[in-house]
Amino acid sequence: MKTEEQKLSEKLKTLLGAYVLEVEFIKKNGEMRKMFCTTKSDKIPKGHEPKGDITVPLNEGVLRVFDVEVEGWRSFRVDSVKSFSLKKGV
């Protein structure tokens, strides 16, 4: 039986592979952060392609994503996600 966190992780992985999402989560330091991110290859600029397999988590419950606003790779804990939605116009 999958936990709610595992179900959310799978849903986020699927959506991030197809779209740019606005993800709102709580950072380790307690700050709230909004990030427009994806893992969709055609949304990642040349020179920023992932090195290695991004589907393999660095740590359990952590997703690696490309932040489209700062053009860099970031990560967040699935259990810290407060909301997510499709970024409009992308």
Protein backbone atom coordinates (compact mmCIF):
# COMPACT_ATOMS: atom_id res chain seq x y z
CA MET A 1 0.00 0.00 0.00
CA LYS A 2 1.42 3.38 -1.00
CA THR A 3 1.56 6.25 1.45
CA GLU A 4 0.05 9.64 0.64
CA GLU A 5 3.56 11.04 0.24
CA GLN A 6 4.45 8.32 -2.29
CA LYS A 7 1.25 9.01 -4.24
CA LEU A 8 1.97 12.75 -4.25
CA SER A 9 5.56 12.12 -5.34
CA GLU A 10 4.42 9.99 -8.29
CA LYS A 11 1.81 12.58 -9.31
CA LEU A 12 4.35 15.41 -9.14
CA LYS A 13 6.92 13.41 -11.16
CA THR A 14 4.33 12.76 -13.88
CA LEU A 15 3.16 16.38 -14.05
CA LEU A 16 6.71 17.81 -13.89
CA GLY A 17 7.69 15.58 -16.81
CA ALA A 18 4.94 17.10 -18.95
CA TYR A 19 4.44 20.68 -17.72
CA VAL A 20 5.89 23.63 -15.84
CA LEU A 21 4.34 23.67 -12.37
CA GLU A 22 4.10 26.36 -9.74
CA VAL A 23 5.04 24.52 -6.56
CA GLU A 24 4.64 26.14 -3.15
CA PHE A 25 6.60 24.48 -0.36
CA ILE A 26 8.27 25.18 2.97
CA LYS A 27 12.07 25.38 2.80
CA LYS A 28 14.27 23.71 5.41
CA ASN A 29 14.69 27.08 7.16
CA GLY A 30 10.90 27.42 7.52
CA GLU A 31 10.39 30.01 4.77
CA MET A 32 7.58 29.58 2.25
CA ARG A 33 8.84 29.41 -1.34
CA LYS A 34 7.10 29.41 -4.73
CA MET A 35 8.99 27.95 -7.65
CA PHE A 36 8.12 27.50 -11.31
CA CYS A 37 9.76 24.19 -12.16
CA THR A 38 9.78 21.23 -14.51
CA THR A 39 11.69 18.16 -15.65
CA LYS A 40 10.31 18.41 -19.21
CA SER A 41 13.35 18.32 -21.50
CA ASP A 42 12.12 20.91 -24.03
CA LYS A 43 11.71 23.47 -21.22
CA ILE A 44 15.32 23.08 -20.05
CA PRO A 45 17.79 25.34 -21.92
CA LYS A 46 20.85 23.96 -23.70
CA GLY A 47 23.76 23.62 -21.33
CA HIS A 48 21.45 22.94 -18.38
CA GLU A 49 20.49 19.39 -19.30
CA PRO A 50 20.58 17.05 -16.30
CA LYS A 51 23.73 15.10 -15.62
CA GLY A 52 22.68 11.57 -14.84
CA ASP A 53 19.21 10.20 -14.22
CA ILE A 54 17.05 12.83 -12.49
CA THR A 55 14.34 10.25 -11.81
CA VAL A 56 16.60 8.59 -9.25
CA PRO A 57 16.11 10.54 -6.02
CA LEU A 58 19.13 11.90 -4.17
CA ASN A 59 17.25 11.18 -0.94
CA GLU A 60 13.95 9.49 -0.23
CA GLY A 61 11.09 11.97 -0.58
CA VAL A 62 13.15 14.60 -2.46
CA LEU A 63 12.46 15.68 -6.04
CA ARG A 64 15.05 17.32 -8.31
CA VAL A 65 13.57 19.91 -10.68
CA PHE A 66 14.68 22.69 -13.02
CA ASP A 67 13.69 26.16 -11.76
CA VAL A 68 12.71 27.95 -14.98
CA GLU A 69 12.97 31.44 -13.46
CA VAL A 70 16.54 31.21 -12.16
CA GLU A 71 17.56 28.60 -14.75
CA GLY A 72 19.09 26.19 -12.29
CA TRP A 73 18.50 22.81 -10.73
CA ARG A 74 16.84 22.79 -7.31
CA SER A 75 15.20 20.22 -5.07
CA PHE A 76 12.41 20.10 -2.52
CA ARG A 77 10.97 17.61 -0.10
CA VAL A 78 7.63 16.18 -1.17
CA ASP A 79 6.35 16.32 2.41
CA SER A 80 6.95 20.10 2.45
CA VAL A 81 4.68 20.82 -0.55
CA LYS A 82 1.69 22.97 0.35
CA SER A 83 0.24 23.40 -3.16
CA PHE A 84 0.99 23.00 -6.84
CA SER A 85 -0.67 24.02 -10.08
CA LEU A 86 0.04 24.23 -13.79
CA LYS A 87 1.81 27.41 -14.81
CA LYS A 88 -0.53 29.26 -17.16
CA GLY A 89 0.69 30.12 -20.66
CA VAL A 90 3.46 27.52 -20.81
